[in-house]
PDB file of N, CA and C in Angstrom:
ATOM      1  N   MET A   1      11.632 -13.867  34.712  1.00  0.00           N
ATOM      2  CA  MET A   1      11.972 -13.152  33.644  1.00  0.00           C
ATOM      3  C   MET A   1      10.407 -13.500  32.309  1.00  0.00           C
ATOM      4  N   SER A   2       9.814 -12.639  32.310  1.00  0.00           N
ATOM      5  CA  SER A   2       9.314 -13.342  31.078  1.00  0.00           C
ATOM      6  C   SER A   2       9.418 -13.074  29.457  1.00  0.00           C
ATOM      7  N   GLU A   3       9.057 -13.492  28.461  1.00  0.00           N
ATOM      8  CA  GLU A   3       8.930 -13.892  27.611  1.00  0.00           C
ATOM      9  C   GLU A   3       8.195 -12.706  26.659  1.00  0.00           C
ATOM     10  N   LEU A   4       8.869 -12.420  25.689  1.00  0.00           N
ATOM     11  CA  LEU A   4       7.980 -11.501  25.037  1.00  0.00           C
ATOM     12  C   LEU A   4       7.689 -11.894  23.827  1.00  0.00           C
ATOM     13  N   THR A   5       6.112 -11.940  23.272  1.00  0.00           N
ATOM     14  CA  THR A   5       5.431 -11.800  22.082  1.00  0.00           C
ATOM     15  C   THR A   5       5.957 -11.405  21.075  1.00  0.00           C
ATOM     16  N   LYS A   6       5.479 -11.837  19.306  1.00  0.00           N
ATOM     17  CA  LYS A   6       6.155 -11.316  18.715  1.00  0.00           C
ATOM     18  C   LYS A   6       5.969  -9.476  18.446  1.00  0.00           C
ATOM     19  N   GLU A   7       4.212  -9.371  18.781  1.00  0.00           N
ATOM     20  CA  GLU A   7       3.901  -8.420  18.807  1.00  0.00           C
ATOM     21  C   GLU A   7       4.783  -7.266  19.383  1.00  0.00           C
ATOM     22  N   ASP A   8       5.320  -7.795  20.891  1.00  0.00           N
ATOM     23  CA  ASP A   8       5.730  -7.018  21.567  1.00  0.00           C
ATOM     24  C   ASP A   8       6.904  -6.566  21.111  1.00  0.00           C
ATOM     25  N   GLU A   9       7.989  -7.558  20.524  1.00  0.00           N
ATOM     26  CA  GLU A   9       9.176  -7.200  19.752  1.00  0.00           C
ATOM     27  C   GLU A   9       8.835  -6.300  19.011  1.00  0.00           C
ATOM     28  N   TYR A  10       8.380  -6.770  18.136  1.00  0.00           N
ATOM     29  CA  TYR A  10       7.671  -5.577  17.099  1.00  0.00           C
ATOM     30  C   TYR A  10       7.398  -4.310  17.159  1.00  0.00           C
ATOM     31  N   GLY A  11       6.576  -4.714  18.355  1.00  0.00           N
ATOM     32  CA  GLY A  11       6.325  -2.490  18.901  1.00  0.00           C
ATOM     33  C   GLY A  11       8.107  -1.925  18.820  1.00  0.00           C
ATOM     34  N   ILE A  12       8.426  -2.866  19.841  1.00  0.00           N
ATOM     35  CA  ILE A  12       9.667  -2.208  20.603  1.00  0.00           C
ATOM     36  C   ILE A  12      10.708  -1.673  19.924  1.00  0.00           C
ATOM     37  N   ILE A  13      10.985  -2.986  18.711  1.00  0.00           N
ATOM     38  CA  ILE A  13      11.494  -2.455  17.076  1.00  0.00           C
ATOM     39  C   ILE A  13      10.798  -1.038  16.324  1.00  0.00           C
ATOM     40  N   SER A  14       9.884  -1.665  16.158  1.00  0.00           N
ATOM     41  CA  SER A  14       9.150  -0.141  15.578  1.00  0.00           C
ATOM     42  C   SER A  14       9.132   1.326  16.627  1.00  0.00           C
ATOM     43  N   ARG A  15       9.095   1.439  17.285  1.00  0.00           N
ATOM     44  CA  ARG A  15       8.999   2.578  18.130  1.00  0.00           C
ATOM     45  C   ARG A  15      10.775   2.738  18.626  1.00  0.00           C
ATOM     46  N   THR A  16      11.675   2.052  18.305  1.00  0.00           N
ATOM     47  CA  THR A  16      13.177   2.899  18.251  1.00  0.00           C
ATOM     48  C   THR A  16      12.888   2.896  17.561  1.00  0.00           C
ATOM     49  N   MET A  17      12.874   2.364  16.027  1.00  0.00           N
ATOM     50  CA  MET A  17      13.392   2.889  14.662  1.00  0.00           C
ATOM     51  C   MET A  17      12.632   3.849  14.231  1.00  0.00           C
ATOM     52  N   MET A  18      11.581   4.191  15.148  1.00  0.00           N
ATOM     53  CA  MET A  18      10.776   5.656  14.703  1.00  0.00           C
ATOM     54  C   MET A  18      10.917   7.113  15.139  1.00  0.00           C
ATOM     55  N   ASN A  19      12.137   6.740  15.737  1.00  0.00           N
ATOM     56  CA  ASN A  19      12.629   8.043  16.888  1.00  0.00           C
ATOM     57  C   ASN A  19      13.999   7.967  16.575  1.00  0.00           C
ATOM     58  N   ILE A  20      13.663   9.061  16.374  1.00  0.00           N
ATOM     59  CA  ILE A  20      15.542   9.250  15.644  1.00  0.00           C
ATOM     60  C   ILE A  20      16.447   9.581  16.737  1.00  0.00           C
ATOM     61  N   ARG A  21      16.218   9.647  17.885  1.00  0.00           N
ATOM     62  CA  ARG A  21      17.395   9.491  19.491  1.00  0.00           C
ATOM     63  C   ARG A  21      17.805   8.409  19.685  1.00  0.00           C
ATOM     64  N   SER A  22      16.235   7.361  19.747  1.00  0.00           N
ATOM     65  CA  SER A  22      17.316   6.224  19.978  1.00  0.00           C
ATOM     66  C   SER A  22      17.933   5.417  19.232  1.00  0.00           C
ATOM     67  N   LEU A  23      17.779   5.983  17.564  1.00  0.00           N
ATOM     68  CA  LEU A  23      18.657   5.443  16.963  1.00  0.00           C
ATOM     69  C   LEU A  23      20.045   5.657  17.060  1.00  0.00           C
ATOM     70  N   ARG A  24      20.116   6.905  17.626  1.00  0.00           N
ATOM     71  CA  ARG A  24      21.644   7.393  17.591  1.00  0.00           C
ATOM     72  C   ARG A  24      21.801   7.340  18.322  1.00  0.00           C
ATOM     73  N   VAL A  25      21.226   6.857  19.727  1.00  0.00           N
ATOM     74  CA  VAL A  25      21.535   6.068  21.124  1.00  0.00           C
ATOM     75  C   VAL A  25      22.110   4.492  20.745  1.00  0.00           C
ATOM     76  N   PHE A  26      21.224   3.903  19.610  1.00  0.00           N
ATOM     77  CA  PHE A  26      21.641   2.513  19.422  1.00  0.00           C
ATOM     78  C   PHE A  26      22.980   2.081  18.129  1.00  0.00           C
ATOM     79  N   ALA A  27      22.877   3.313  17.889  1.00  0.00           N
ATOM     80  CA  ALA A  27      24.067   3.471  16.557  1.00  0.00           C
ATOM     81  C   ALA A  27      25.453   3.647  17.154  1.00  0.00           C
ATOM     82  N   ARG A  28      25.668   4.470  18.442  1.00  0.00           N
ATOM     83  CA  ARG A  28      26.385   4.516  19.655  1.00  0.00           C
ATOM     84  C   ARG A  28      27.319   3.560  19.768  1.00  0.00           C
ATOM     85  N   GLU A  29      26.482   2.782  19.937  1.00  0.00           N
ATOM     86  CA  GLU A  29      26.697   1.572  21.395  1.00  0.00           C
ATOM     87  C   GLU A  29      27.070   0.089  20.508  1.00  0.00           C
ATOM     88  N   ILE A  30      27.117   0.333  19.040  1.00  0.00           N
ATOM     89  CA  ILE A  30      26.932  -0.863  17.820  1.00  0.00           C
ATOM     90  C   ILE A  30      28.493  -0.315  17.130  1.00  0.00           C
ATOM     91  N   ASP A  31      29.040  -1.521  16.626  1.00  0.00           N
ATOM     92  CA  ASP A  31      29.976  -1.351  15.790  1.00  0.00           C
ATOM     93  C   ASP A  31      30.171  -0.554  15.537  1.00  0.00           C
ATOM     94  N   PHE A  32      30.667   0.083  14.206  1.00  0.00           N
ATOM     95  CA  PHE A  32      30.474   0.950  12.717  1.00  0.00           C
ATOM     96  C   PHE A  32      30.233  -0.292  11.885  1.00  0.00           C
ATOM     97  N   GLU A  33      30.919  -0.991  11.880  1.00  0.00           N
ATOM     98  CA  GLU A  33      30.756  -2.265  10.756  1.00  0.00           C
ATOM     99  C   GLU A  33      29.381  -2.667  10.426  1.00  0.00           C
ATOM    100  N   GLN A  34      28.774  -2.969  12.332  1.00  0.00           N
ATOM    101  CA  GLN A  34      27.639  -3.989  11.818  1.00  0.00           C
ATOM    102  C   GLN A  34      26.927  -3.089  11.545  1.00  0.00           C
ATOM    103  N   LEU A  35      26.915  -1.226  12.020  1.00  0.00           N
ATOM    104  CA  LEU A  35      25.912  -0.700  11.273  1.00  0.00           C
ATOM    105  C   LEU A  35      25.234  -0.405   9.938  1.00  0.00           C
ATOM    106  N   LEU A  36      26.884  -0.721   9.256  1.00  0.00           N
ATOM    107  CA  LEU A  36      26.902  -0.795   8.107  1.00  0.00           C
ATOM    108  C   LEU A  36      26.217  -2.348   7.220  1.00  0.00           C
ATOM    109  N   GLU A  37      26.048  -2.902   8.129  1.00  0.00           N
ATOM    110  CA  GLU A  37      25.751  -4.268   7.444  1.00  0.00           C
ATOM    111  C   GLU A  37      24.501  -4.240   7.865  1.00  0.00           C
ATOM    112  N   MET A  38      23.710  -3.635   8.621  1.00  0.00           N
ATOM    113  CA  MET A  38      22.576  -3.548   8.616  1.00  0.00           C
ATOM    114  C   MET A  38      21.430  -2.047   7.859  1.00  0.00           C
ATOM    115  N   GLN A  39      22.410  -1.288   7.395  1.00  0.00           N
ATOM    116  CA  GLN A  39      22.103  -0.453   6.199  1.00  0.00           C
ATOM    117  C   GLN A  39      22.289  -1.093   5.263  1.00  0.00           C
ATOM    118  N   GLU A  40      23.007  -1.994   4.560  1.00  0.00           N
ATOM    119  CA  GLU A  40      23.281  -2.461   3.669  1.00  0.00           C
ATOM    120  C   GLU A  40      21.463  -3.486   3.677  1.00  0.00           C
ATOM    121  N   LYS A  41      20.814  -4.698   4.417  1.00  0.00           N
ATOM    122  CA  LYS A  41      20.060  -5.188   4.572  1.00  0.00           C
ATOM    123  C   LYS A  41      18.019  -4.469   4.306  1.00  0.00           C
ATOM    124  N   LEU A  42      18.747  -3.254   5.482  1.00  0.00           N
ATOM    125  CA  LEU A  42      17.719  -2.517   5.380  1.00  0.00           C
ATOM    126  C   LEU A  42      17.354  -1.389   4.167  1.00  0.00           C
ATOM    127  N   ASN A  43      18.784  -1.227   3.360  1.00  0.00           N
ATOM    128  CA  ASN A  43      18.170  -0.712   2.384  1.00  0.00           C
ATOM    129  C   ASN A  43      17.162  -1.998   0.951  1.00  0.00           C
ATOM    130  N   VAL A  44      18.404  -3.079   1.381  1.00  0.00           N
ATOM    131  CA  VAL A  44      17.582  -4.043   0.276  1.00  0.00           C
ATOM    132  C   VAL A  44      15.893  -4.290   0.652  1.00  0.00           C
ATOM    133  N   VAL A  45      15.849  -4.285   2.121  1.00  0.00           N
ATOM    134  CA  VAL A  45      14.509  -5.002   2.337  1.00  0.00           C
ATOM    135  C   VAL A  45      13.559  -3.446   1.667  1.00  0.00           C
ATOM    136  N   ILE A  46      13.638  -1.964   1.820  1.00  0.00           N
ATOM    137  CA  ILE A  46      13.029  -1.381   1.547  1.00  0.00           C
ATOM    138  C   ILE A  46      12.924  -0.836   0.319  1.00  0.00           C
ATOM    139  N   GLU A  47      13.970  -1.580  -0.673  1.00  0.00           N
ATOM    140  CA  GLU A  47      14.060  -1.319  -2.069  1.00  0.00           C
ATOM    141  C   GLU A  47      12.898  -2.650  -2.512  1.00  0.00           C
ATOM    142  N   GLU A  48      13.070  -3.765  -2.145  1.00  0.00           N
ATOM    143  CA  GLU A  48      12.073  -4.795  -2.091  1.00  0.00           C
ATOM    144  C   GLU A  48      10.381  -4.602  -1.878  1.00  0.00           C
ATOM    145  N   ARG A  49      10.396  -3.697  -0.563  1.00  0.00           N
ATOM    146  CA  ARG A  49       8.797  -3.101  -0.086  1.00  0.00           C
ATOM    147  C   ARG A  49       8.642  -2.123  -1.080  1.00  0.00           C
ATOM    148  N   ARG A  50       9.441  -1.114  -1.854  1.00  0.00           N
ATOM    149  CA  ARG A  50       9.156  -0.104  -3.009  1.00  0.00           C
ATOM    150  C   ARG A  50       8.474  -1.346  -3.924  1.00  0.00           C
ATOM    151  N   GLU A  51       9.468  -1.753  -4.468  1.00  0.00           N
ATOM    152  CA  GLU A  51       8.807  -2.551  -5.266  1.00  0.00           C
ATOM    153  C   GLU A  51       7.793  -3.186  -5.638  1.00  0.00           C
ATOM    154  N   ASP A  52       7.445  -3.927  -4.269  1.00  0.00           N
ATOM    155  CA  ASP A  52       5.790  -4.481  -4.327  1.00  0.00           C
ATOM    156  C   ASP A  52       4.550  -2.984  -4.005  1.00  0.00           C
ATOM    157  N   ALA A  53       5.271  -2.030  -3.700  1.00  0.00           N
ATOM    158  CA  ALA A  53       3.941  -1.116  -3.165  1.00  0.00           C
ATOM    159  C   ALA A  53       4.032  -0.196  -4.935  1.00  0.00           C
ATOM    160  N   GLU A  54       5.047  -0.572  -5.862  1.00  0.00           N
ATOM    161  CA  GLU A  54       4.577   0.287  -6.869  1.00  0.00           C
ATOM    162  C   GLU A  54       3.834  -0.792  -7.809  1.00  0.00           C
ATOM    163  N   ARG A  55       4.239  -2.333  -7.557  1.00  0.00           N
ATOM    164  CA  ARG A  55       3.305  -3.275  -8.314  1.00  0.00           C
ATOM    165  C   ARG A  55       2.026  -2.869  -8.203  1.00  0.00           C
ATOM    166  N   GLU A  56       1.531  -2.981  -7.040  1.00  0.00           N
ATOM    167  CA  GLU A  56       0.194  -2.636  -6.336  1.00  0.00           C
ATOM    168  C   GLU A  56      -0.537  -1.693  -6.669  1.00  0.00           C
ATOM    169  N   ALA A  57       0.099  -0.244  -6.679  1.00  0.00           N
ATOM    170  CA  ALA A  57      -0.331   0.639  -7.641  1.00  0.00           C
ATOM    171  C   ALA A  57      -0.333   0.155  -9.322  1.00  0.00           C
ATOM    172  N   ALA A  58       0.395  -0.493  -9.441  1.00  0.00           N
ATOM    173  CA  ALA A  58       0.101  -0.893 -11.218  1.00  0.00           C
ATOM    174  C   ALA A  58      -1.201  -1.168 -11.282  1.00  0.00           C
ATOM    175  N   GLU A  59      -1.236  -2.690 -10.649  1.00  0.00           N
ATOM    176  CA  GLU A  59      -2.155  -3.157 -10.287  1.00  0.00           C
ATOM    177  C   GLU A  59      -3.446  -2.416 -10.151  1.00  0.00           C
ATOM    178  N   ARG A  60      -3.808  -1.837  -9.295  1.00  0.00           N
ATOM    179  CA  ARG A  60      -4.859  -0.501  -8.738  1.00  0.00           C
ATOM    180  C   ARG A  60      -4.917   0.133 -10.171  1.00  0.00           C
ATOM    181  N   GLN A  61      -4.496   0.435 -10.315  1.00  0.00           N
ATOM    182  CA  GLN A  61      -4.322   1.453 -11.941  1.00  0.00           C
ATOM    183  C   GLN A  61      -5.046   0.545 -12.740  1.00  0.00           C
ATOM    184  N   GLU A  62      -4.571  -0.349 -13.337  1.00  0.00           N
ATOM    185  CA  GLU A  62      -5.008  -1.540 -14.144  1.00  0.00           C
ATOM    186  C   GLU A  62      -6.685  -1.749 -14.324  1.00  0.00           C
ATOM    187  N   LEU A  63      -6.717  -2.089 -12.613  1.00  0.00           N
ATOM    188  CA  LEU A  63      -8.004  -2.339 -12.452  1.00  0.00           C
ATOM    189  C   LEU A  63      -8.931  -0.870 -12.399  1.00  0.00           C
ATOM    190  N   GLU A  64      -8.677   0.059 -12.234  1.00  0.00           N
ATOM    191  CA  GLU A  64      -9.415   0.993 -12.357  1.00  0.00           C
ATOM    192  C   GLU A  64     -10.024   1.359 -13.827  1.00  0.00           C
ATOM    193  N   ALA A  65      -8.476   1.249 -14.204  1.00  0.00           N
ATOM    194  CA  ALA A  65      -9.030   1.406 -16.151  1.00  0.00           C
ATOM    195  C   ALA A  65      -9.574   0.784 -16.938  1.00  0.00           C
ATOM    196  N   LYS A  66      -9.885  -0.629 -15.973  1.00  0.00           N
ATOM    197  CA  LYS A  66     -10.746  -1.613 -16.735  1.00  0.00           C
ATOM    198  C   LYS A  66     -12.066  -1.285 -16.341  1.00  0.00           C
ATOM    199  N   ARG A  67     -12.191  -0.991 -14.721  1.00  0.00           N
ATOM    200  CA  ARG A  67     -13.746  -0.484 -14.563  1.00  0.00           C
ATOM    201  C   ARG A  67     -14.206   0.846 -15.241  1.00  0.00           C
ATOM    202  N   GLN A  68     -12.680   1.682 -15.697  1.00  0.00           N
ATOM    203  CA  GLN A  68     -13.519   2.963 -16.334  1.00  0.00           C
ATOM    204  C   GLN A  68     -13.899   2.057 -17.811  1.00  0.00           C
ATOM    205  N   GLN A  69     -13.465   1.347 -18.327  1.00  0.00           N
ATOM    206  CA  GLN A  69     -14.078   1.049 -19.911  1.00  0.00           C
ATOM    207  C   GLN A  69     -15.190   0.159 -19.686  1.00  0.00           C
ATOM    208  N   ALA A  70     -15.546  -0.500 -18.501  1.00  0.00           N
ATOM    209  CA  ALA A  70     -16.838  -1.338 -18.425  1.00  0.00           C
ATOM    210  C   ALA A  70     -17.745  -0.394 -17.999  1.00  0.00           C
ATOM    211  N   ILE A  71     -17.496   0.695 -17.513  1.00  0.00           N
ATOM    212  CA  ILE A  71     -18.713   1.758 -17.219  1.00  0.00           C
ATOM    213  C   ILE A  71     -19.005   2.266 -18.853  1.00  0.00           C
ATOM    214  N   GLU A  72     -17.950   2.944 -19.384  1.00  0.00           N
ATOM    215  CA  GLU A  72     -18.008   3.526 -20.682  1.00  0.00           C
ATOM    216  C   GLU A  72     -18.898   2.403 -21.411  1.00  0.00           C
ATOM    217  N   TYR A  73     -18.613   0.573 -21.719  1.00  0.00           N
ATOM    218  CA  TYR A  73     -19.172  -0.094 -22.573  1.00  0.00           C
ATOM    219  C   TYR A  73     -20.579   0.175 -22.009  1.00  0.00           C
ATOM    220  N   ILE A  74     -21.444  -0.018 -20.472  1.00  0.00           N
ATOM    221  CA  ILE A  74     -22.416   0.532 -19.821  1.00  0.00           C
ATOM    222  C   ILE A  74     -23.200   1.117 -20.775  1.00  0.00           C
ATOM    223  N   ILE A  75     -22.574   2.354 -20.603  1.00  0.00           N
ATOM    224  CA  ILE A  75     -23.318   3.817 -20.822  1.00  0.00           C
ATOM    225  C   ILE A  75     -23.846   3.349 -22.533  1.00  0.00           C
ATOM    226  N   SER A  76     -22.860   2.863 -23.325  1.00  0.00           N
ATOM    227  CA  SER A  76     -22.492   2.685 -24.845  1.00  0.00           C
ATOM    228  C   SER A  76     -24.344   1.871 -24.697  1.00  0.00           C
ATOM    229  N   LEU A  77     -24.473   1.157 -24.124  1.00  0.00           N
ATOM    230  CA  LEU A  77     -25.929   0.320 -24.118  1.00  0.00           C
ATOM    231  C   LEU A  77     -26.887   0.547 -23.779  1.00  0.00           C
ATOM    232  N   GLY A  78     -26.675   1.980 -23.315  1.00  0.00           N
ATOM    233  CA  GLY A  78     -27.638   3.033 -23.075  1.00  0.00           C
ATOM    234  C   GLY A  78     -28.303   2.175 -21.695  1.00  0.00           C
ATOM    235  N   LEU A  79     -27.410   2.114 -20.835  1.00  0.00           N
ATOM    236  CA  LEU A  79     -28.191   1.730 -19.452  1.00  0.00           C
ATOM    237  C   LEU A  79     -27.357   2.596 -18.725  1.00  0.00           C
ATOM    238  N   ASP A  80     -27.916   2.817 -17.189  1.00  0.00           N
ATOM    239  CA  ASP A  80     -27.267   3.879 -16.195  1.00  0.00           C
ATOM    240  C   ASP A  80     -27.223   3.243 -15.414  1.00  0.00           C
ATOM    241  N   PRO A  81     -24.946   3.286 -15.415  1.00  0.00           N
ATOM    242  CA  PRO A  81     -24.746   2.613 -14.662  1.00  0.00           C
ATOM    243  C   PRO A  81     -25.374   2.600 -12.558  1.00  0.00           C
ATOM    244  N   GLU A  82     -25.738   3.359 -12.416  1.00  0.00           N
ATOM    245  CA  GLU A  82     -26.500   3.482 -11.085  1.00  0.00           C
ATOM    246  C   GLU A  82     -27.264   2.468 -11.069  1.00  0.00           C
ATOM    247  N   SER A  83     -28.211   2.222 -12.014  1.00  0.00           N
ATOM    248  CA  SER A  83     -28.908   1.250 -11.922  1.00  0.00           C
ATOM    249  C   SER A  83     -28.863  -0.175 -12.087  1.00  0.00           C
ATOM    250  N   LEU A  84     -28.093  -0.461 -12.396  1.00  0.00           N
ATOM    251  CA  LEU A  84     -27.196  -1.873 -12.633  1.00  0.00           C
ATOM    252  C   LEU A  84     -26.890  -2.127 -10.642  1.00  0.00           C
ATOM    253  N   LEU A  85     -27.024  -1.463  -9.970  1.00  0.00           N
ATOM    254  CA  LEU A  85     -26.567  -1.790  -8.297  1.00  0.00           C
ATOM    255  C   LEU A  85     -27.842  -1.781  -7.359  1.00  0.00           C
ATOM    256  N   ALA A  86     -29.157  -1.742  -8.537  1.00  0.00           N
ATOM    257  CA  ALA A  86     -30.158  -2.047  -7.421  1.00  0.00           C
ATOM    258  C   ALA A  86     -30.821  -3.375  -8.028  1.00  0.00           C
ATOM    259  N   PRO A  87     -30.761  -3.994  -6.645  1.00  0.00           N
ATOM    260  CA  PRO A  87     -31.733  -5.081  -6.990  1.00  0.00           C
ATOM    261  C   PRO A  87     -32.887  -5.361  -8.214  1.00  0.00           C
ATOM    262  N   VAL A  88     -32.898  -6.271  -9.110  1.00  0.00           N
ATOM    263  CA  VAL A  88     -33.841  -6.879  -9.939  1.00  0.00           C
ATOM    264  C   VAL A  88     -35.047  -6.473  -9.349  1.00  0.00           C
ATOM    265  N   THR A  89     -35.588  -7.050  -8.319  1.00  0.00           N
ATOM    266  CA  THR A  89     -36.657  -7.078  -7.681  1.00  0.00           C
ATOM    267  C   THR A  89     -36.760  -6.010  -6.642  1.00  0.00           C
ATOM    268  N   ALA A  90     -36.607  -4.972  -6.909  1.00  0.00           N
ATOM    269  CA  ALA A  90     -36.534  -3.719  -5.556  1.00  0.00           C
ATOM    270  C   ALA A  90     -37.841  -3.797  -6.257  1.00  0.00           C
ATOM    271  N   ASP A  91     -38.465  -3.997  -6.892  1.00  0.00           N
ATOM    272  CA  ASP A  91     -39.980  -2.967  -7.808  1.00  0.00           C
ATOM    273  C   ASP A  91     -41.106  -3.767  -7.195  1.00  0.00           C
ATOM    274  N   THR A  92     -40.875  -5.204  -7.087  1.00  0.00           N
ATOM    275  CA  THR A  92     -41.488  -6.205  -7.144  1.00  0.00           C
ATOM    276  C   THR A  92     -41.975  -6.048  -5.261  1.00  0.00           C
ATOM    277  N   VAL A  93     -43.455  -6.258  -5.272  1.00  0.00           N
ATOM    278  CA  VAL A  93     -43.865  -6.197  -4.035  1.00  0.00           C
ATOM    279  C   VAL A  93     -44.312  -8.162  -3.846  1.00  0.00           C
ATOM    280  N   LYS A  94     -43.781  -8.252  -2.402  1.00  0.00           N
ATOM    281  CA  LYS A  94     -44.144  -9.492  -2.249  1.00  0.00           C
ATOM    282  C   LYS A  94     -45.502  -9.602  -1.340  1.00  0.00           C
ATOM    283  N   THR A  95     -45.906 -10.559  -2.108  1.00  0.00           N
ATOM    284  CA  THR A  95     -47.502 -10.845  -1.037  1.00  0.00           C
ATOM    285  C   THR A  95     -47.501 -12.249  -0.060  1.00  0.00           C
ATOM    286  N   ARG A  96     -47.893 -11.980   1.307  1.00  0.00           N
ATOM    287  CA  ARG A  96     -47.878 -13.201   1.976  1.00  0.00           C
ATOM    288  C   ARG A  96     -49.244 -13.652   2.276  1.00  0.00           C
ATOM    289  N   ARG A  97     -49.351 -14.907   2.408  1.00  0.00           N
ATOM    290  CA  ARG A  97     -50.370 -15.330   2.617  1.00  0.00           C
ATOM    291  C   ARG A  97     -50.377 -15.733   4.215  1.00  0.00           C
ATOM    292  N   LYS A  98     -51.750 -15.951   4.461  1.00  0.00           N
ATOM    293  CA  LYS A  98     -52.610 -15.730   5.541  1.00  0.00           C
ATOM    294  C   LYS A  98     -52.514 -17.504   6.151  1.00  0.00           C
ATOM    295  N   ALA A  99     -52.044 -17.082   7.374  1.00  0.00           N
ATOM    296  CA  ALA A  99     -51.565 -18.641   7.711  1.00  0.00           C
ATOM    297  C   ALA A  99     -53.049 -19.729   7.894  1.00  0.00           C
ATOM    298  N   LYS A 100     -52.997 -20.481   7.560  1.00  0.00           N
ATOM    299  CA  LYS A 100     -54.151 -21.737   7.615  1.00  0.00           C
ATOM    300  C   LYS A 100     -54.403 -22.445   8.900  1.00  0.00           C
ATOM    301  N   GLY A 101     -53.969 -21.723  10.006  1.00  0.00           N
ATOM    302  CA  GLY A 101     -54.629 -22.094  10.739  1.00  0.00           C
ATOM    303  C   GLY A 101     -55.722 -22.068  11.760  1.00  0.00           C
ATOM    304  N   GLY A 102     -56.416 -23.106  12.356  1.00  0.00           N
ATOM    305  CA  GLY A 102     -57.598 -22.878  12.723  1.00  0.00           C
ATOM    306  C   GLY A 102     -57.667 -23.089  14.201  1.00  0.00           C
ATOM    307  N   VAL A 103     -58.894 -22.353  14.437  1.00  0.00           N
ATOM    308  CA  VAL A 103     -58.833 -21.926  16.207  1.00  0.00           C
ATOM    309  C   VAL A 103     -58.163 -22.703  16.968  1.00  0.00           C
ATOM    310  N   ARG A 104     -57.920 -22.558  17.688  1.00  0.00           N
ATOM    311  CA  ARG A 104     -57.957 -23.710  18.857  1.00  0.00           C
ATOM    312  C   ARG A 104     -58.539 -24.152  19.682  1.00  0.00           C
ATOM    313  N   LYS A 105     -58.754 -25.286  20.152  1.00  0.00           N
ATOM    314  CA  LYS A 105     -59.716 -25.263  21.538  1.00  0.00           C
ATOM    315  C   LYS A 105     -59.192 -24.818  23.029  1.00  0.00           C
ATOM    316  N   ALA A 106     -60.476 -24.483  23.372  1.00  0.00           N
ATOM    317  CA  ALA A 106     -60.073 -24.241  24.877  1.00  0.00           C
ATOM    318  C   ALA A 106     -59.649 -25.708  25.918  1.00  0.00           C
ATOM    319  N   LYS A 107     -58.628 -25.023  26.734  1.00  0.00           N
ATOM    320  CA  LYS A 107     -57.558 -26.408  27.727  1.00  0.00           C
ATOM    321  C   LYS A 107     -59.060 -26.295  28.986  1.00  0.00           C
TER     322      LYS A 107
END
């Protein structure tokens, strides 16, 4: 019998957890006390994940507020924010030097 990789295990668990029929079958086969213990642990994990998601959303919102404040400051200076995206050297044309190699002799 082959060993499952972590990805395979997570795939099986994910498919089972996302399927209500599979969950019902699993719940019938396990002791009720164990099921309650699993519920408590899952609730803890879900709450931790919710806190992380809320913290990340607050950080994104704060970053967006700072970005808007920076855009307003740039506009107050009389600059177009779009013009700052273009490279400074965009309007200059580079000239190439002609190669200084001479004519080669025939072999």
